[in-house]
Amino acid sequence: MKNIILASASPRRKELLAQAGYQFTVITSDTDEITDKSMPDEIVEELSAMKAEAVAAQIEEDTVIIGADTIVAVSGRILGKPQDVTAAEEMLKTLQGNTHQVYTGVTLIEIQSGTRKVTTFSERTDVIMYPMTDEEIKAYIATGEPMDKAGAYGIQGRAAIYIKKIDGDYNNVVGLPIARLYQELKSK
């Protein structure tokens, strides 16, 4: 197994990689996540590449660096992590009772004998949420769980009771399409 570096502080990504049996080191990037892209798949691909490149600039030994970024999109609107409780409430009101998409972009930078090979891809999962009352939204926000998650919810947490259906990779919604990542790493 190659030396692997995860360029993310996300506890969910760390958990998914560990669950898949990978041993890895975490080095977070401090790059500004600014993009001029407008399509969700292009946004996450560019941001994942920025994170991976920022870490790769610090590395000289043979390794594979994994950068990832996740966003939620609904009706053409991009939802990142909520800045405050009001934003979380607005996001959840928009998502409840509707279908939205979760996009995760992943960039792999393989450094071997001084050469670099870059692979970037994204996955999309459609998520349908049950309707939520204002009281349910406020109670969920009060748990604190929505505040560090794209779209203001965690499918793997308390928000699971509001998920009616998903079409696509569940782990993509959590934050890392681990099956696709495995296939990509296996081919390296």
Foldseek 3Di string as FASTA:
>chain_A
DFAEEEQDPDPLVVVLCVVVPDDYHYDHAPDDLDDPDQDQFVSFQVSQVVSQVRVVVVDDAWYKYKGKDKWKADPSDIFFADPDLVSLLVLCQRQAQAKIKMKMKMWIWTADPNDIDIDIGMWIKIWHWHHDDSVRSVVLVVVVQQRHGHSRDACPDPSVVGTDDMGGQPSVSNTDSSVVVVVVVVVD
